[in-house]
Protein backbone atom coordinates (compact mmCIF):
# COMPACT_ATOMS: atom_id res chain seq x y z
CA MET A 1 57.93 36.60 15.46
CA ILE A 2 55.04 39.00 14.37
CA LYS A 3 57.40 40.31 11.28
CA ASN A 4 58.02 36.48 10.32
CA ARG A 5 54.67 35.50 10.36
CA LYS A 6 54.03 38.28 8.19
CA LYS A 7 56.92 36.95 5.86
CA LYS A 8 55.76 33.83 5.64
CA GLU A 9 51.84 34.58 4.45
CA GLU A 10 53.55 37.52 1.74
CA VAL A 11 55.91 34.96 0.86
CA ILE A 12 52.69 32.72 -0.16
CA GLN A 13 50.11 35.17 -1.19
CA LYS A 14 53.54 35.71 -4.05
CA ASN A 15 53.87 32.06 -4.61
CA PRO A 16 50.35 30.28 -4.95
CA ALA A 17 52.36 27.23 -5.22
CA LYS A 18 53.81 27.12 -1.59
CA LEU A 19 50.26 27.16 0.25
CA PHE A 20 49.75 24.33 -2.11
CA PHE A 21 52.34 21.94 -1.05
CA TYR A 22 51.53 23.01 2.82
CA ALA A 23 48.02 22.85 2.18
CA TYR A 24 49.05 19.54 1.03
CA VAL A 25 50.91 18.28 3.72
CA ILE A 26 49.15 19.46 6.75
CA THR A 27 45.93 17.84 5.35
CA ILE A 28 48.22 14.36 5.01
CA LEU A 29 50.09 14.98 8.80
CA THR A 30 46.54 15.12 9.85
CA GLY A 31 44.76 12.33 8.21
CA GLY A 32 47.97 10.23 9.00
CA THR A 33 47.88 11.10 11.96
CA LEU A 34 43.96 9.91 12.66
CA LEU A 35 44.90 6.73 10.68
CA SER A 36 47.77 5.55 12.85
CA LEU A 37 45.64 5.97 15.83
CA PRO A 38 43.67 2.63 17.73
CA ILE A 39 40.67 4.25 17.30
CA SER A 40 41.36 3.37 12.90
CA SER A 41 42.22 0.03 13.01
CA GLN A 42 40.14 -3.05 13.32
CA SER A 43 42.75 -4.56 15.65
CA GLY A 44 42.45 -1.80 18.45
CA GLU A 45 46.13 -1.12 18.03
CA PHE A 46 48.26 1.93 16.58
CA THR A 47 49.15 1.61 13.30
CA HIS A 48 52.96 1.87 11.98
CA PHE A 49 52.90 5.72 11.74
CA MET A 50 54.84 5.74 8.32
CA ASP A 51 52.23 2.92 6.77
CA ALA A 52 49.61 5.66 7.76
CA ILE A 53 51.05 8.78 6.44
CA PHE A 54 51.79 6.75 3.42
CA THR A 55 47.57 5.30 3.07
CA ALA A 56 47.26 9.23 4.12
CA THR A 57 49.38 10.34 1.36
CA SER A 58 47.86 7.94 -1.01
CA ALA A 59 44.23 9.25 -0.52
CA VAL A 60 45.21 12.98 -0.65
CA CYS A 61 46.88 12.50 -3.51
CA VAL A 62 43.94 10.24 -5.12
CA THR A 63 46.90 7.73 -5.87
CA GLY A 64 45.26 4.17 -4.74
CA LEU A 65 48.86 2.52 -3.36
CA THR A 66 48.74 1.40 0.33
CA PRO A 67 51.09 -0.95 2.40
CA VAL A 68 47.83 -2.53 4.11
CA ILE A 69 44.87 -4.07 2.80
CA THR A 70 42.21 -1.68 2.83
CA ALA A 71 39.36 -3.66 3.39
CA ALA A 72 40.90 -5.70 6.36
CA HIS A 73 43.49 -3.16 8.33
CA TRP A 74 40.82 -0.20 8.64
CA ASN A 75 37.94 -0.33 10.74
CA ALA A 76 34.88 2.27 9.65
CA PHE A 77 35.84 4.87 10.90
CA GLY A 78 39.37 4.23 9.43
CA LYS A 79 37.45 3.89 6.29
CA VAL A 80 35.67 7.40 7.00
CA VAL A 81 39.21 8.89 7.42
CA ILE A 82 40.06 7.76 3.77
CA ILE A 83 37.30 8.64 1.66
CA VAL A 84 37.27 11.96 3.06
CA LEU A 85 40.61 12.41 2.16
CA ILE A 86 40.16 10.84 -1.11
CA GLN A 87 37.09 13.76 -1.71
CA LEU A 88 39.86 16.29 -0.90
CA GLY A 89 42.16 15.49 -2.70
CA GLY A 90 39.81 15.21 -5.86
CA LEU A 91 38.32 18.23 -5.19
CA GLY A 92 41.37 20.27 -4.58
CA ILE A 93 42.27 20.93 -0.97
CA VAL A 94 41.68 24.97 -1.71
CA THR A 95 38.30 24.16 -3.86
CA ALA A 96 36.81 22.05 -0.76
CA ALA A 97 37.99 25.46 1.30
CA GLY A 98 36.11 27.70 -1.50
CA ALA A 99 33.01 25.02 -1.15
CA ILE A 100 33.01 25.71 2.32
CA GLY A 101 32.96 29.95 1.83
CA LEU A 102 30.05 29.24 -0.69
CA LEU A 103 28.00 27.32 2.01
CA ILE A 104 28.94 30.56 4.62
CA ASN A 105 27.91 33.19 1.78
CA LYS A 106 31.40 34.08 1.82
CA ARG A 107 32.71 36.65 -0.64
CA PHE A 108 35.90 35.49 -2.80
CA SER A 109 39.14 38.07 -2.49
CA VAL A 110 40.76 38.85 -5.43
CA GLN A 111 44.10 36.61 -3.91
CA GLU A 112 41.44 33.16 -3.19
CA ARG A 113 40.31 33.61 -6.80
CA MET A 114 44.16 33.37 -7.71
CA TYR A 115 44.67 30.47 -5.73
CA LEU A 116 41.19 28.54 -7.17
CA ALA A 117 42.46 29.26 -10.80
CA GLU A 118 45.69 28.24 -9.61
CA GLU A 119 44.64 25.08 -8.93
CA LYS A 120 41.92 24.64 -11.51
CA ASN A 121 44.54 25.74 -14.14
CA ALA A 122 41.88 28.75 -15.02
CA ASN A 123 43.40 31.03 -17.74
CA SER A 124 41.60 34.37 -16.20
CA LEU A 125 40.25 34.80 -12.54
CA GLN A 126 36.79 35.75 -14.00
CA GLY A 127 34.03 33.43 -13.57
CA MET A 128 36.24 31.54 -10.84
CA VAL A 129 33.18 31.70 -8.16
CA LYS A 130 30.79 30.61 -10.97
CA LEU A 131 33.14 27.82 -12.11
CA LEU A 132 33.78 26.55 -8.02
CA LYS A 133 30.09 26.35 -8.21
CA TYR A 134 29.88 24.22 -11.21
CA VAL A 135 33.36 21.77 -10.37
CA ILE A 136 31.06 21.10 -6.50
CA ILE A 137 27.90 20.60 -7.93
CA ALA A 138 29.02 18.60 -10.87
CA THR A 139 31.25 16.11 -8.61
CA PHE A 140 28.67 15.49 -6.13
CA SER A 141 26.07 14.74 -8.91
CA ILE A 142 28.45 12.58 -11.05
CA GLU A 143 29.49 10.58 -7.44
CA GLY A 144 25.55 10.26 -6.59
CA VAL A 145 24.51 8.63 -10.03
CA GLY A 146 27.60 6.80 -9.58
CA ALA A 147 26.61 5.77 -6.22
CA LEU A 148 23.02 5.01 -7.20
CA LEU A 149 23.83 2.77 -10.17
CA LEU A 150 26.66 0.90 -7.67
CA SER A 151 23.98 0.03 -5.35
CA PHE A 152 22.14 -2.29 -8.00
CA ARG A 153 24.89 -4.85 -7.19
CA PHE A 154 26.55 -4.14 -4.16
CA ILE A 155 23.07 -3.99 -2.22
CA PRO A 156 21.90 -7.32 -3.11
CA GLN A 157 25.58 -8.59 -2.82
CA PHE A 158 26.30 -7.08 1.07
CA GLY A 159 22.88 -6.23 2.15
CA LEU A 160 21.68 -3.21 2.21
CA GLY A 161 23.53 -0.80 4.90
CA ARG A 162 27.03 -2.31 3.65
CA GLY A 163 25.89 -2.57 -0.25
CA ILE A 164 25.01 1.19 0.49
CA ALA A 165 28.72 2.18 1.94
CA TYR A 166 30.05 0.34 -0.38
CA SER A 167 28.29 1.88 -4.00
CA ILE A 168 29.32 5.25 -1.90
CA PHE A 169 32.43 4.47 -1.20
CA HIS A 170 33.75 3.28 -4.68
CA ALA A 171 31.79 5.97 -6.39
CA ILE A 172 34.09 8.48 -4.79
CA SER A 173 37.30 6.49 -5.10
CA ALA A 174 36.31 6.23 -8.87
CA PHE A 175 35.35 9.62 -9.91
CA CYS A 176 38.77 10.70 -7.78
CA ASN A 177 40.88 8.31 -9.54
CA ALA A 178 41.76 7.16 -6.27
CA GLY A 179 41.60 3.50 -6.92
CA PHE A 180 40.70 2.84 -2.91
CA ASP A 181 38.62 -0.07 -2.24
CA ILE A 182 37.14 -2.12 0.54
CA ILE A 183 35.79 -5.53 -1.10
CA GLY A 184 38.89 -7.40 -0.21
CA ASP A 185 42.82 -7.43 -1.77
CA VAL A 186 41.72 -8.17 -5.46
CA SER A 187 40.54 -4.87 -6.14
CA LEU A 188 37.52 -5.40 -9.34
CA ILE A 189 39.25 -8.96 -9.58
CA PRO A 190 35.50 -10.34 -8.66
CA TYR A 191 34.04 -8.48 -11.49
CA GLN A 192 35.92 -8.74 -14.45
CA SER A 193 33.24 -10.14 -16.52
CA ASP A 194 30.41 -8.18 -15.10
CA VAL A 195 29.92 -5.67 -17.80
CA PHE A 196 27.63 -3.04 -15.63
CA VAL A 197 29.66 -2.69 -13.18
CA THR A 198 32.81 -2.27 -15.42
CA LEU A 199 31.03 -0.09 -17.10
CA VAL A 200 29.71 2.03 -14.23
CA ILE A 201 33.03 2.23 -12.71
CA SER A 202 34.79 2.91 -16.31
CA SER A 203 32.73 5.65 -17.03
CA LEU A 204 33.30 7.72 -13.36
CA ILE A 205 37.44 7.48 -14.18
CA ILE A 206 36.63 8.69 -17.37
CA LEU A 207 34.51 11.84 -17.11
CA SER A 208 36.60 12.97 -14.07
CA GLY A 209 39.89 12.23 -16.39
CA LEU A 210 38.19 14.44 -19.03
CA GLY A 211 38.31 17.38 -16.67
CA PHE A 212 35.52 19.52 -15.39
CA ILE A 213 36.40 22.48 -18.64
CA VAL A 214 35.82 19.74 -20.81
CA TYR A 215 32.38 18.45 -20.32
CA ASN A 216 31.51 21.97 -19.38
CA ASP A 217 32.26 22.97 -23.01
CA VAL A 218 30.89 20.27 -24.50
CA LEU A 219 27.17 21.06 -22.46
CA LYS A 220 27.43 24.22 -23.94
CA ALA A 221 29.14 23.88 -27.38
CA LYS A 222 27.09 20.94 -27.83
CA ARG A 223 28.91 20.57 -31.99
CA PHE A 224 33.03 18.90 -32.32
CA LYS A 225 33.16 21.59 -34.83
CA LYS A 226 32.34 24.68 -31.92
CA PHE A 227 34.52 23.16 -29.53
CA ARG A 228 37.93 24.94 -27.94
CA LEU A 229 40.87 23.90 -29.20
CA HIS A 230 41.27 22.11 -25.82
CA THR A 231 38.32 19.86 -25.89
CA LYS A 232 39.29 18.70 -28.84
CA ILE A 233 42.54 17.43 -28.05
CA VAL A 234 41.59 15.83 -24.95
CA LEU A 235 38.37 13.93 -26.27
CA VAL A 236 40.37 12.94 -29.37
CA SER A 237 44.00 12.04 -27.49
CA THR A 238 41.91 10.28 -24.88
CA ALA A 239 39.59 7.90 -27.20
CA THR A 240 42.71 6.83 -28.76
CA LEU A 241 44.61 5.99 -25.76
CA LEU A 242 41.49 4.01 -24.34
CA ILE A 243 40.93 1.96 -27.88
CA VAL A 244 44.45 1.31 -29.02
CA PRO A 245 45.45 0.15 -25.49
CA THR A 246 42.28 -2.02 -25.13
CA ILE A 247 43.14 -4.06 -28.55
CA LEU A 248 46.89 -4.23 -27.89
CA PHE A 249 46.10 -5.74 -23.74
CA LEU A 250 43.17 -8.06 -25.79
CA ILE A 251 46.32 -9.37 -28.25
CA ILE A 252 49.11 -9.63 -25.70
CA GLU A 253 47.07 -11.31 -22.91
CA TRP A 254 45.17 -13.47 -24.89
CA THR A 255 46.43 -16.59 -24.06
CA ASN A 256 47.47 -15.75 -20.77
CA PRO A 257 46.17 -17.96 -18.36
CA ALA A 258 46.91 -15.91 -15.43
CA THR A 259 45.05 -12.66 -16.77
CA ILE A 260 42.40 -13.48 -19.27
CA GLY A 261 43.20 -16.80 -21.04
CA ASN A 262 40.79 -18.49 -19.28
CA LEU A 263 37.56 -15.44 -19.85
CA THR A 264 35.13 -15.62 -22.33
CA LEU A 265 35.24 -13.31 -25.33
CA THR A 266 33.15 -10.79 -23.21
CA GLY A 267 35.45 -11.23 -20.27
CA LYS A 268 38.49 -10.83 -22.55
CA VAL A 269 37.24 -7.51 -23.55
CA THR A 270 35.80 -5.96 -20.62
CA SER A 271 38.98 -6.60 -18.70
CA SER A 272 41.10 -5.32 -21.65
CA PHE A 273 39.33 -2.33 -21.62
CA PHE A 274 39.37 -1.90 -18.18
CA GLN A 275 42.84 -2.04 -17.91
CA SER A 276 43.10 0.47 -20.65
CA VAL A 277 40.76 2.70 -18.61
CA THR A 278 41.92 2.21 -15.19
CA THR A 279 45.88 2.88 -16.27
CA ARG A 280 44.73 6.39 -17.06
CA THR A 281 45.39 7.08 -12.98
CA ALA A 282 42.57 5.15 -11.74
CA GLY A 283 44.24 2.46 -9.52
CA PHE A 284 41.42 -0.39 -9.61
CA PHE A 285 42.16 -3.41 -11.07
CA SER A 286 40.76 -6.47 -12.79
CA ILE A 287 44.36 -8.10 -14.14
CA ASP A 288 46.69 -9.29 -11.47
CA GLN A 289 48.99 -6.32 -12.36
CA ALA A 290 52.22 -9.20 -11.24
CA SER A 291 51.08 -11.69 -14.12
CA LEU A 292 50.78 -9.24 -17.15
CA ARG A 293 53.09 -10.10 -19.82
CA SER A 294 56.17 -7.87 -20.23
CA GLY A 295 54.72 -6.29 -23.31
CA SER A 296 51.55 -5.00 -21.23
CA LEU A 297 53.48 -4.39 -18.17
CA LEU A 298 55.41 -1.49 -21.00
CA LEU A 299 52.24 -0.12 -22.16
CA THR A 300 50.53 0.39 -18.35
CA ILE A 301 53.79 2.14 -17.87
CA ALA A 302 53.72 4.06 -20.65
CA LEU A 303 50.05 4.96 -20.39
CA MET A 304 50.51 5.51 -16.55
CA PHE A 305 53.27 8.19 -17.08
CA VAL A 306 50.95 10.28 -19.38
CA GLY A 307 47.70 9.86 -17.46
CA GLY A 308 44.54 11.96 -18.05
CA ALA A 309 43.55 15.65 -19.11
CA PRO A 310 44.51 18.98 -17.09
CA ALA A 311 41.48 20.58 -14.60
CA GLY A 312 40.40 17.21 -13.65
CA THR A 313 41.06 14.00 -10.79
CA ALA A 314 43.48 12.59 -13.38
CA GLY A 315 47.52 12.57 -12.55
CA GLY A 316 50.39 11.91 -15.14
CA LEU A 317 52.07 13.96 -17.46
CA LYS A 318 48.62 14.79 -18.80
CA VAL A 319 47.57 14.30 -22.57
CA THR A 320 47.75 17.56 -23.42
CA THR A 321 51.09 17.65 -22.83
CA MET A 322 52.27 14.53 -24.80
CA VAL A 323 49.95 15.78 -27.64
CA THR A 324 51.66 19.38 -28.00
CA LEU A 325 55.16 17.62 -27.55
CA ILE A 326 54.30 15.52 -30.23
CA LEU A 327 52.60 18.33 -32.37
CA ALA A 328 56.02 20.22 -31.60
CA MET A 329 58.09 17.49 -33.02
CA VAL A 330 55.70 17.33 -36.56
CA ALA A 331 56.12 21.15 -36.90
CA ASN A 332 59.86 21.28 -36.76
CA ILE A 333 59.99 17.98 -38.98
CA SER A 334 58.10 19.46 -41.32
CA LYS A 335 59.58 22.70 -41.27
CA ASN A 336 56.73 24.00 -39.95
CA ARG A 337 57.08 27.16 -38.04
CA ASP A 338 53.73 27.12 -36.12
CA ILE A 339 52.82 24.28 -34.03
CA THR A 340 49.16 23.72 -35.41
CA ALA A 341 46.02 21.50 -34.48
CA PHE A 342 42.30 21.53 -35.87
CA LYS A 343 43.03 24.66 -37.81
CA ARG A 344 44.41 26.29 -34.61
CA ARG A 345 47.76 27.65 -33.32
CA ILE A 346 49.35 26.80 -30.08
CA PRO A 347 51.74 29.09 -28.87
CA GLN A 348 55.34 28.58 -28.56
CA GLU A 349 55.38 29.29 -24.46
CA ILE A 350 52.77 26.26 -24.44
CA ALA A 351 54.99 24.18 -26.15
CA GLN A 352 57.98 25.52 -23.91
CA LYS A 353 56.25 24.77 -20.77
CA ALA A 354 54.85 21.21 -22.05
CA LEU A 355 58.87 20.39 -22.98
CA THR A 356 59.89 21.71 -19.50
CA ILE A 357 57.02 19.61 -17.72
CA PHE A 358 57.99 16.27 -19.37
CA PHE A 359 61.87 16.62 -18.86
CA ILE A 360 60.91 17.28 -15.03
CA SER A 361 59.13 14.86 -14.72
CA ILE A 362 61.62 12.12 -16.29
CA PHE A 363 64.44 13.77 -14.00
CA TRP A 364 61.79 12.50 -11.21
CA VAL A 365 61.43 9.26 -12.18
CA PHE A 366 64.82 8.60 -12.83
CA ILE A 367 66.60 10.00 -9.55
CA THR A 368 63.88 8.32 -7.88
CA LEU A 369 64.38 4.58 -9.60
CA LEU A 370 68.16 5.34 -9.09
CA ILE A 371 67.78 5.87 -5.20
CA LEU A 372 65.12 2.97 -4.95
CA SER A 373 67.69 0.78 -6.75
CA ILE A 374 70.26 1.47 -4.32
CA THR A 375 68.13 1.52 -0.70
CA GLU A 376 65.06 -1.75 -1.81
CA ASN A 377 67.92 -4.71 -1.86
CA GLY A 378 65.93 -7.28 -3.59
CA LEU A 379 63.11 -5.93 -5.25
CA GLY A 380 63.58 -5.63 -9.09
CA ILE A 381 63.92 -2.76 -11.36
CA THR A 382 60.86 -3.25 -13.42
CA ASP A 383 58.99 -3.29 -10.35
CA LEU A 384 60.17 -0.54 -9.08
CA LEU A 385 60.14 1.05 -12.00
CA TYR A 386 56.46 0.36 -12.18
CA GLU A 387 55.64 1.24 -8.86
CA ILE A 388 57.33 5.31 -9.27
CA ILE A 389 55.80 5.47 -12.18
CA SER A 390 52.18 4.61 -10.53
CA ALA A 391 52.74 6.89 -7.87
CA TYR A 392 53.67 10.03 -9.70
CA GLY A 393 50.77 9.14 -12.14
CA THR A 394 48.84 9.01 -9.01
CA VAL A 395 47.56 5.76 -10.49
CA GLY A 396 47.67 3.07 -7.78
CA LEU A 397 48.68 0.17 -9.49
CA THR A 398 51.57 -2.15 -8.17
CA THR A 399 52.71 -5.16 -8.64
CA GLY A 400 52.37 -6.07 -5.06
CA ILE A 401 55.64 -4.52 -3.79
CA THR A 402 53.90 -1.46 -1.61
CA SER A 403 54.44 -3.92 1.67
CA LYS A 404 57.41 -4.75 0.87
CA LEU A 405 59.45 -1.18 0.65
CA THR A 406 61.09 -0.05 3.61
CA ASP A 407 60.21 3.33 5.54
CA PHE A 408 62.42 5.11 3.34
CA GLY A 409 61.22 3.55 0.39
CA LYS A 410 57.63 4.29 1.31
CA LEU A 411 58.76 7.92 2.06
CA ALA A 412 60.20 8.51 -1.38
CA ILE A 413 57.31 6.78 -3.32
CA SER A 414 55.03 9.21 -1.22
CA PHE A 415 56.76 12.33 -2.16
CA SER A 416 56.59 10.81 -5.87
CA MET A 417 52.53 11.09 -5.14
CA LEU A 418 52.71 14.32 -3.97
CA PHE A 419 55.17 15.34 -6.86
CA GLY A 420 52.53 13.91 -9.07
CA LYS A 421 49.62 15.89 -7.73
CA LEU A 422 50.81 19.01 -7.43
CA GLY A 423 52.36 18.51 -11.23
CA PRO A 424 55.90 19.22 -11.69
CA ILE A 425 56.01 23.15 -12.72
CA THR A 426 53.52 23.57 -9.25
CA MET A 427 56.29 21.81 -7.29
CA VAL A 428 59.54 23.91 -9.05
CA TYR A 429 57.78 27.18 -8.45
CA ALA A 430 56.80 26.47 -4.51
CA PHE A 431 61.09 25.82 -4.17
CA ALA A 432 62.72 27.63 -6.79
CA ARG A 433 64.20 31.30 -7.10
CA ARG A 434 62.78 33.27 -8.59
CA THR A 435 64.97 35.39 -11.57
CA HIS A 436 63.92 38.84 -12.41
CA ASN A 437 64.36 39.55 -16.25
CA LYS A 438 67.16 41.33 -17.23
CA ALA A 439 66.96 44.55 -19.00
CA TYR A 440 69.22 43.03 -21.47
CA ARG A 441 69.76 39.56 -23.86
CA GLU A 442 73.05 37.75 -24.62
CA ALA A 443 74.73 37.71 -27.86
CA GLU A 444 73.13 34.69 -30.23
CA GLU A 445 75.40 31.58 -30.74
CA ARG A 446 74.17 28.93 -32.98
CA ILE A 447 75.74 24.88 -31.38
CA LEU A 448 75.07 21.55 -32.77
CA VAL A 449 72.04 19.20 -31.72
CA GLY A 450 71.44 15.67 -33.25
């Protein structure tokens, strides 16, 4: 028994990906169990266990998909459980554990620093404790400012107590890119023309989607020329993926009375911008997703798949992965042996990793879609693809089919949320057998492609 336990500990130490997987699963099961109890529901009755697990998974994976209406189904205790799970997922389970370690003045071992570096996609163990402190301080500071700003709208509308609670809940949910709301079943549709609320929520989503490494670099370097290549790519690609889709949503939905057709010019621009922002893994919506035109649905699916930047709370393929693939394609077409951006060369192993992530993601989405198209009778293929991409990208947007899924469908979507949160590489490393490098290389022979 002791030997088996030691063996498991050794496996986890050698494979941090397994630790992350087990940590998230345990947190989800704990949160799901609490949410299933009568003390968490408005009715005082047990919640269907699969619905509770689905909600807990969505909260920990900062997604926002839910089979029940958060505002109506859960009582105050249930909502506290959800927001705690969101904060844990937003920080990262290992980072949250590290925060507790800092409070008790714990000394971090090399192994613990390695876990932190793995979770935050850091390239070095150096300065990990400093980075941990920065992440925690930045997270709570930005959430605090967001809550303060939102209180100017919510306190006059809901009263002092509820206004403060709503401000804190939505600030955390927005910054963690979770998309849970406790306003009702229409998310932020009541505020679709409210520029102030839209900008506050959007700023929280964008900041967390950039990643802590990026705005740390921006604060230190101050000038674009001095930014690291990672920061430059994230800032330029993020700006592009905010501006261009806003214009496209505006053009496509301009005359659609079910979305923005009946709004004022300000309302149209505000809603189109927010749709562009929230598709980057946030999950809030100010437009009814089921009423979007086909072009907008396709654009939303693409944006959800790409997601935000690494080392933040956003999910998806990640903008740096997509940019690397595009740059590799351009280099190949132009017969350039190097992949370059902003007068810097990107290593070939980064491009190989990006390609691996891309194909694992495509494979996962396709297999899940194939299975659900068989098991979820009566649901359209477009709605299912939208739901799966939303889960994989930890976005939380839906065309309204979440509550219609079977228990098997909910389980499959839950796995997709966990897959997207931990990332394709982490999930593969957690369970794939490691192969040792051979002392020889096979003979090379060309094949025809294309």
